[in-house]
């Protein structure tokens, strides 16, 4: 439910200004022409990262680790979009992305394994409960 909201946050930024000041924060354009352009790039990358992360964490197929490749690419592009001294944000460089991407990918793998363990333990609990009910009823 949060994904469309995350994607359209950029529309609330002024489209003709380099600085967006509110009572909570001040956001600069970060090397882009306008704040809205900067937020568009950041929100797009964050949206894709959120969707692909959700897909990875909820996928129960054997090929789920293949999803880590686009996740790594989007994560690297997101960090390059936030970095204001980079000229081309969608250029992917594997060697420079590894120090950023590896800890996040390890975190995703750990979370996915914990979720799988939780799901398996809930299945076993349901089986035990049904066997206990069958035993009590007979």
N, C-alpha and C. Protein backbone atom coordinates (compact mmCIF):
# COMPACT_ATOMS: atom_id res chain seq x y z
N UNK A 1 0.82 -1.19 0.00
CA UNK A 1 0.00 0.00 0.00
C UNK A 1 0.86 1.25 0.00
N UNK A 2 2.06 1.16 0.51
CA UNK A 2 2.92 2.34 0.57
C UNK A 2 3.64 2.62 -0.74
N UNK A 3 3.69 1.64 -1.62
CA UNK A 3 4.47 1.79 -2.85
C UNK A 3 3.98 2.94 -3.74
N UNK A 4 2.69 3.08 -4.02
CA UNK A 4 2.28 4.22 -4.86
C UNK A 4 2.52 5.57 -4.19
N UNK A 5 2.37 5.61 -2.88
CA UNK A 5 2.64 6.86 -2.16
C UNK A 5 4.11 7.22 -2.29
N UNK A 6 4.98 6.22 -2.13
CA UNK A 6 6.42 6.45 -2.27
C UNK A 6 6.76 6.93 -3.67
N UNK A 7 6.08 6.39 -4.67
CA UNK A 7 6.39 6.75 -6.05
C UNK A 7 5.98 8.19 -6.38
N UNK A 8 4.87 8.67 -5.81
CA UNK A 8 4.35 9.99 -6.17
C UNK A 8 4.70 11.11 -5.20
N UNK A 9 5.60 10.89 -4.27
CA UNK A 9 6.00 11.94 -3.32
C UNK A 9 6.63 13.13 -4.05
N UNK A 10 7.31 12.88 -5.15
CA UNK A 10 8.01 13.94 -5.87
C UNK A 10 7.07 15.03 -6.37
N UNK A 11 5.80 14.71 -6.58
CA UNK A 11 4.86 15.70 -7.12
C UNK A 11 4.55 16.82 -6.13
N UNK A 12 4.84 16.61 -4.86
CA UNK A 12 4.59 17.65 -3.87
C UNK A 12 5.73 18.66 -3.77
N UNK A 13 6.84 18.38 -4.40
CA UNK A 13 7.97 19.29 -4.38
C UNK A 13 7.76 20.40 -5.41
N UNK A 14 8.31 21.57 -5.15
CA UNK A 14 8.18 22.65 -6.15
C UNK A 14 8.98 22.31 -7.41
N UNK A 15 8.38 22.57 -8.57
CA UNK A 15 9.03 22.19 -9.83
C UNK A 15 9.90 23.28 -10.42
N UNK A 16 10.00 24.41 -9.75
CA UNK A 16 10.79 25.51 -10.29
C UNK A 16 11.83 26.04 -9.30
N UNK A 17 12.17 25.25 -8.31
CA UNK A 17 13.06 25.72 -7.25
C UNK A 17 14.20 24.74 -7.03
N UNK A 18 15.33 25.29 -6.55
CA UNK A 18 16.48 24.46 -6.20
C UNK A 18 16.44 24.01 -4.75
N UNK A 19 15.60 24.65 -3.94
CA UNK A 19 15.51 24.32 -2.51
C UNK A 19 14.03 24.19 -2.14
N UNK A 20 13.73 23.17 -1.37
CA UNK A 20 12.37 22.96 -0.86
C UNK A 20 12.44 23.01 0.65
N UNK A 21 11.87 24.05 1.24
CA UNK A 21 11.91 24.23 2.68
C UNK A 21 10.52 24.00 3.26
N UNK A 22 10.47 23.12 4.26
CA UNK A 22 9.26 22.90 5.03
C UNK A 22 9.61 23.10 6.50
N UNK A 23 8.62 22.92 7.37
CA UNK A 23 8.94 23.10 8.78
C UNK A 23 9.67 21.88 9.35
N UNK A 24 9.69 20.74 8.61
CA UNK A 24 10.37 19.55 9.08
C UNK A 24 11.76 19.37 8.48
N UNK A 25 11.97 19.80 7.24
CA UNK A 25 13.24 19.56 6.58
C UNK A 25 13.47 20.59 5.48
N UNK A 26 14.71 20.65 5.04
CA UNK A 26 15.11 21.45 3.89
C UNK A 26 15.81 20.52 2.92
N UNK A 27 15.33 20.50 1.67
CA UNK A 27 15.87 19.60 0.66
C UNK A 27 16.39 20.43 -0.50
N UNK A 28 17.64 20.18 -0.88
CA UNK A 28 18.21 20.87 -2.03
C UNK A 28 18.17 19.95 -3.25
N UNK A 29 18.40 20.52 -4.41
CA UNK A 29 18.28 19.75 -5.64
C UNK A 29 19.44 18.78 -5.85
N UNK A 30 20.51 18.90 -5.12
CA UNK A 30 21.59 17.93 -5.15
C UNK A 30 22.24 17.75 -6.51
N UNK A 31 22.46 18.80 -7.23
CA UNK A 31 23.11 18.70 -8.53
C UNK A 31 22.14 18.56 -9.69
N UNK A 32 20.87 18.41 -9.42
CA UNK A 32 19.86 18.34 -10.47
C UNK A 32 19.30 19.74 -10.72
N UNK A 33 18.51 19.91 -11.76
CA UNK A 33 17.98 21.24 -12.09
C UNK A 33 16.99 21.73 -11.05
N UNK A 34 16.10 20.87 -10.61
CA UNK A 34 15.08 21.26 -9.63
C UNK A 34 14.98 20.21 -8.54
N UNK A 35 14.33 20.58 -7.45
CA UNK A 35 14.09 19.65 -6.36
C UNK A 35 13.14 18.55 -6.82
N UNK A 36 12.16 18.90 -7.64
CA UNK A 36 11.21 17.90 -8.11
C UNK A 36 11.91 16.86 -9.00
N UNK A 37 12.82 17.28 -9.82
CA UNK A 37 13.59 16.34 -10.64
C UNK A 37 14.43 15.42 -9.78
N UNK A 38 15.06 15.97 -8.76
CA UNK A 38 15.86 15.17 -7.84
C UNK A 38 14.98 14.15 -7.10
N UNK A 39 13.85 14.61 -6.58
CA UNK A 39 12.95 13.71 -5.87
C UNK A 39 12.36 12.66 -6.79
N UNK A 40 12.12 13.01 -8.06
CA UNK A 40 11.61 12.03 -9.02
C UNK A 40 12.60 10.87 -9.17
N UNK A 41 13.87 11.19 -9.35
CA UNK A 41 14.88 10.15 -9.50
C UNK A 41 14.99 9.32 -8.23
N UNK A 42 15.06 9.96 -7.09
CA UNK A 42 15.21 9.25 -5.82
C UNK A 42 13.98 8.39 -5.52
N UNK A 43 12.78 8.94 -5.72
CA UNK A 43 11.56 8.17 -5.45
C UNK A 43 11.40 7.00 -6.40
N UNK A 44 11.77 7.18 -7.66
CA UNK A 44 11.70 6.08 -8.62
C UNK A 44 12.62 4.94 -8.21
N UNK A 45 13.84 5.27 -7.86
CA UNK A 45 14.80 4.24 -7.45
C UNK A 45 14.36 3.57 -6.14
N UNK A 46 13.85 4.35 -5.18
CA UNK A 46 13.38 3.79 -3.91
C UNK A 46 12.16 2.90 -4.14
N UNK A 47 11.28 3.29 -5.04
CA UNK A 47 10.09 2.49 -5.37
C UNK A 47 10.50 1.14 -5.94
N UNK A 48 11.41 1.15 -6.90
CA UNK A 48 11.86 -0.10 -7.52
C UNK A 48 12.56 -0.97 -6.49
N UNK A 49 13.40 -0.36 -5.63
CA UNK A 49 14.08 -1.11 -4.59
C UNK A 49 13.08 -1.75 -3.63
N UNK A 50 12.05 -1.02 -3.25
CA UNK A 50 11.03 -1.52 -2.34
C UNK A 50 10.28 -2.70 -2.95
N UNK A 51 9.89 -2.57 -4.21
CA UNK A 51 9.15 -3.64 -4.88
C UNK A 51 10.01 -4.90 -5.05
N UNK A 52 11.23 -4.73 -5.51
CA UNK A 52 12.11 -5.89 -5.73
C UNK A 52 12.49 -6.53 -4.39
N UNK A 53 12.68 -5.74 -3.34
CA UNK A 53 12.97 -6.30 -2.01
C UNK A 53 11.79 -7.11 -1.49
N UNK A 54 10.60 -6.59 -1.67
CA UNK A 54 9.41 -7.32 -1.25
C UNK A 54 9.27 -8.62 -2.03
N UNK A 55 9.55 -8.56 -3.32
CA UNK A 55 9.48 -9.76 -4.14
C UNK A 55 10.49 -10.80 -3.65
N UNK A 56 11.71 -10.36 -3.35
CA UNK A 56 12.73 -11.29 -2.87
C UNK A 56 12.33 -11.91 -1.53
N UNK A 57 11.86 -11.08 -0.61
CA UNK A 57 11.55 -11.57 0.73
C UNK A 57 10.34 -12.49 0.75
N UNK A 58 9.43 -12.34 -0.18
CA UNK A 58 8.23 -13.17 -0.19
C UNK A 58 8.29 -14.33 -1.18
N UNK A 59 9.31 -14.40 -1.98
CA UNK A 59 9.43 -15.46 -2.99
C UNK A 59 9.88 -16.76 -2.32
N UNK A 60 9.18 -17.85 -2.64
CA UNK A 60 9.51 -19.14 -2.06
C UNK A 60 10.06 -20.12 -3.11
N UNK A 61 10.43 -19.63 -4.27
CA UNK A 61 10.95 -20.49 -5.33
C UNK A 61 12.45 -20.69 -5.16
N UNK A 62 12.97 -21.72 -5.81
CA UNK A 62 14.38 -22.04 -5.70
C UNK A 62 15.27 -20.99 -6.38
N UNK A 63 14.72 -20.22 -7.31
CA UNK A 63 15.50 -19.25 -8.07
C UNK A 63 15.47 -17.85 -7.45
N UNK A 64 15.01 -17.74 -6.22
CA UNK A 64 14.83 -16.42 -5.61
C UNK A 64 16.12 -15.62 -5.50
N UNK A 65 17.27 -16.28 -5.44
CA UNK A 65 18.53 -15.54 -5.31
C UNK A 65 18.90 -14.82 -6.60
N UNK A 66 18.28 -15.21 -7.71
CA UNK A 66 18.50 -14.47 -8.96
C UNK A 66 17.92 -13.07 -8.88
N UNK A 67 16.97 -12.86 -7.99
CA UNK A 67 16.37 -11.53 -7.80
C UNK A 67 17.38 -10.57 -7.17
N UNK A 68 18.41 -11.10 -6.55
CA UNK A 68 19.42 -10.24 -5.93
C UNK A 68 20.21 -9.43 -6.96
N UNK A 69 20.29 -9.90 -8.18
CA UNK A 69 21.03 -9.16 -9.21
C UNK A 69 20.35 -7.83 -9.53
N UNK A 70 19.06 -7.81 -9.90
CA UNK A 70 18.43 -6.51 -10.12
C UNK A 70 18.35 -5.68 -8.84
N UNK A 71 18.25 -6.34 -7.70
CA UNK A 71 18.23 -5.61 -6.43
C UNK A 71 19.55 -4.88 -6.22
N UNK A 72 20.65 -5.54 -6.52
CA UNK A 72 21.96 -4.91 -6.39
C UNK A 72 22.11 -3.74 -7.35
N UNK A 73 21.63 -3.91 -8.57
CA UNK A 73 21.73 -2.83 -9.56
C UNK A 73 20.92 -1.62 -9.12
N UNK A 74 19.70 -1.84 -8.67
CA UNK A 74 18.85 -0.72 -8.24
C UNK A 74 19.42 -0.05 -7.00
N UNK A 75 19.96 -0.83 -6.08
CA UNK A 75 20.56 -0.25 -4.88
C UNK A 75 21.74 0.64 -5.23
N UNK A 76 22.57 0.16 -6.14
CA UNK A 76 23.71 0.97 -6.57
C UNK A 76 23.24 2.23 -7.29
N UNK A 77 22.25 2.13 -8.15
CA UNK A 77 21.73 3.30 -8.84
C UNK A 77 21.11 4.29 -7.87
N UNK A 78 20.47 3.78 -6.81
CA UNK A 78 19.91 4.67 -5.79
C UNK A 78 21.01 5.45 -5.08
N UNK A 79 22.09 4.77 -4.72
CA UNK A 79 23.18 5.48 -4.05
C UNK A 79 23.84 6.50 -4.98
N UNK A 80 23.90 6.19 -6.26
CA UNK A 80 24.46 7.14 -7.22
C UNK A 80 23.51 8.32 -7.45
N UNK A 81 22.20 8.09 -7.35
CA UNK A 81 21.23 9.18 -7.51
C UNK A 81 21.32 10.16 -6.34
N UNK A 82 21.58 9.64 -5.16
CA UNK A 82 21.69 10.50 -3.98
C UNK A 82 23.01 11.25 -3.96
N UNK A 83 24.05 10.65 -4.52
CA UNK A 83 25.37 11.28 -4.57
C UNK A 83 25.33 12.40 -5.61
N UNK A 84 25.56 13.63 -5.20
CA UNK A 84 25.38 14.78 -6.09
C UNK A 84 26.55 15.06 -7.02
N UNK A 85 27.67 14.39 -6.88
CA UNK A 85 28.80 14.65 -7.77
C UNK A 85 28.99 13.55 -8.82
N UNK A 86 27.95 12.78 -9.10
CA UNK A 86 27.99 11.74 -10.12
C UNK A 86 27.19 12.23 -11.32
N UNK A 87 27.78 12.11 -12.50
CA UNK A 87 27.13 12.64 -13.69
C UNK A 87 26.10 11.68 -14.29
N UNK A 88 26.42 10.39 -14.33
CA UNK A 88 25.52 9.40 -14.93
C UNK A 88 25.05 8.44 -13.85
N UNK A 89 23.77 8.51 -13.49
CA UNK A 89 23.29 7.73 -12.36
C UNK A 89 22.91 6.31 -12.73
N UNK A 90 22.59 6.03 -13.97
CA UNK A 90 22.17 4.68 -14.33
C UNK A 90 23.30 3.85 -14.92
N UNK A 91 24.51 4.32 -14.80
CA UNK A 91 25.66 3.54 -15.24
C UNK A 91 26.04 2.60 -14.11
N UNK A 92 26.15 1.32 -14.41
CA UNK A 92 26.38 0.31 -13.38
C UNK A 92 27.84 -0.13 -13.41
N UNK A 93 28.51 -0.04 -12.29
CA UNK A 93 29.87 -0.50 -12.17
C UNK A 93 29.93 -1.51 -11.02
N UNK A 94 30.24 -2.74 -11.34
CA UNK A 94 30.21 -3.81 -10.35
C UNK A 94 31.26 -3.60 -9.28
N UNK A 95 32.45 -3.23 -9.67
CA UNK A 95 33.53 -3.12 -8.69
C UNK A 95 33.30 -2.02 -7.67
N UNK A 96 32.74 -0.91 -8.10
CA UNK A 96 32.51 0.17 -7.13
C UNK A 96 31.24 -0.04 -6.32
N UNK A 97 30.36 -0.94 -6.76
CA UNK A 97 29.11 -1.15 -6.02
C UNK A 97 29.24 -2.21 -4.93
N UNK A 98 30.25 -3.05 -5.00
CA UNK A 98 30.36 -4.15 -4.05
C UNK A 98 30.40 -3.73 -2.59
N UNK A 99 31.19 -2.72 -2.19
CA UNK A 99 31.20 -2.35 -0.77
C UNK A 99 29.85 -1.84 -0.26
N UNK A 100 29.05 -1.31 -1.13
CA UNK A 100 27.74 -0.80 -0.73
C UNK A 100 26.72 -1.92 -0.72
N UNK A 101 26.76 -2.76 -1.73
CA UNK A 101 25.70 -3.72 -1.97
C UNK A 101 25.83 -4.98 -1.12
N UNK A 102 27.02 -5.48 -0.89
CA UNK A 102 27.21 -6.75 -0.19
C UNK A 102 26.56 -6.77 1.20
N UNK A 103 26.74 -5.76 2.07
CA UNK A 103 26.07 -5.83 3.38
C UNK A 103 24.55 -5.84 3.27
N UNK A 104 24.00 -5.09 2.33
CA UNK A 104 22.54 -5.06 2.17
C UNK A 104 22.04 -6.41 1.66
N UNK A 105 22.76 -7.02 0.73
CA UNK A 105 22.35 -8.32 0.22
C UNK A 105 22.43 -9.39 1.31
N UNK A 106 23.44 -9.33 2.13
CA UNK A 106 23.55 -10.28 3.24
C UNK A 106 22.38 -10.10 4.20
N UNK A 107 22.02 -8.86 4.47
CA UNK A 107 20.87 -8.59 5.34
C UNK A 107 19.59 -9.17 4.73
N UNK A 108 19.41 -9.01 3.42
CA UNK A 108 18.23 -9.57 2.76
C UNK A 108 18.21 -11.10 2.85
N UNK A 109 19.35 -11.73 2.68
CA UNK A 109 19.41 -13.18 2.75
C UNK A 109 19.06 -13.65 4.16
N UNK A 110 19.57 -12.97 5.18
CA UNK A 110 19.28 -13.34 6.56
C UNK A 110 17.80 -13.17 6.86
N UNK A 111 17.21 -12.06 6.44
CA UNK A 111 15.78 -11.84 6.67
C UNK A 111 14.95 -12.88 5.95
N UNK A 112 15.32 -13.22 4.72
CA UNK A 112 14.56 -14.22 3.96
C UNK A 112 14.63 -15.59 4.64
N UNK A 113 15.79 -15.95 5.15
CA UNK A 113 15.90 -17.25 5.83
C UNK A 113 15.10 -17.27 7.12
N UNK A 114 15.09 -16.17 7.84
CA UNK A 114 14.29 -16.11 9.07
C UNK A 114 12.80 -16.21 8.75
N UNK A 115 12.37 -15.53 7.68
CA UNK A 115 10.96 -15.61 7.28
C UNK A 115 10.60 -17.02 6.84
N UNK A 116 11.49 -17.69 6.14
CA UNK A 116 11.24 -19.08 5.72
C UNK A 116 11.14 -19.98 6.94
N UNK A 117 12.02 -19.80 7.90
CA UNK A 117 11.97 -20.59 9.14
C UNK A 117 10.66 -20.34 9.87
N UNK A 118 10.24 -19.08 9.95
CA UNK A 118 8.99 -18.75 10.62
C UNK A 118 7.81 -19.39 9.89
N UNK A 119 7.81 -19.33 8.58
CA UNK A 119 6.74 -19.93 7.80
C UNK A 119 6.70 -21.45 7.99
N UNK A 120 7.87 -22.10 7.96
CA UNK A 120 7.93 -23.54 8.17
C UNK A 120 7.48 -23.93 9.57
N UNK A 121 7.86 -23.14 10.56
CA UNK A 121 7.46 -23.46 11.93
C UNK A 121 5.96 -23.28 12.13
N UNK A 122 5.36 -22.32 11.46
CA UNK A 122 3.91 -22.15 11.54
C UNK A 122 3.19 -23.32 10.87
N UNK A 123 3.74 -23.84 9.77
CA UNK A 123 3.15 -25.01 9.12
C UNK A 123 3.21 -26.23 10.02
N UNK A 124 4.34 -26.43 10.68
CA UNK A 124 4.49 -27.56 11.60
C UNK A 124 3.53 -27.41 12.77
N UNK A 125 3.38 -26.19 13.28
CA UNK A 125 2.46 -25.95 14.40
C UNK A 125 1.03 -26.28 13.99
N UNK A 126 0.64 -25.88 12.78
CA UNK A 126 -0.71 -26.20 12.31
C UNK A 126 -0.91 -27.71 12.17
N UNK A 127 0.11 -28.41 11.69
CA UNK A 127 0.00 -29.88 11.57
C UNK A 127 -0.12 -30.53 12.94
N UNK A 128 0.65 -30.07 13.88
CA UNK A 128 0.59 -30.62 15.24
C UNK A 128 -0.77 -30.35 15.86
N UNK A 129 -1.27 -29.12 15.70
CA UNK A 129 -2.58 -28.78 16.24
C UNK A 129 -3.68 -29.63 15.62
N UNK A 130 -3.61 -29.87 14.32
CA UNK A 130 -4.63 -30.69 13.67
C UNK A 130 -4.54 -32.14 14.14
N UNK A 131 -3.33 -32.67 14.34
CA UNK A 131 -3.18 -34.02 14.84
C UNK A 131 -3.70 -34.14 16.27
N UNK A 132 -3.45 -33.13 17.08
CA UNK A 132 -3.97 -33.14 18.46
C UNK A 132 -5.49 -33.11 18.44
N UNK A 133 -6.07 -32.30 17.58
CA UNK A 133 -7.54 -32.24 17.48
C UNK A 133 -8.11 -33.57 17.00
N UNK A 134 -7.45 -34.19 16.05
CA UNK A 134 -7.90 -35.50 15.56
C UNK A 134 -7.83 -36.54 16.66
N UNK A 135 -6.75 -36.51 17.44
CA UNK A 135 -6.59 -37.45 18.54
C UNK A 135 -7.66 -37.24 19.62
N UNK A 136 -7.95 -35.99 19.93
CA UNK A 136 -8.95 -35.67 20.96
C UNK A 136 -10.33 -36.08 20.48
N UNK A 137 -10.64 -35.85 19.23
CA UNK A 137 -11.97 -36.16 18.70
C UNK A 137 -12.20 -37.67 18.54
N UNK A 138 -11.16 -38.46 18.42
CA UNK A 138 -11.31 -39.90 18.26
C UNK A 138 -11.21 -40.55 19.57
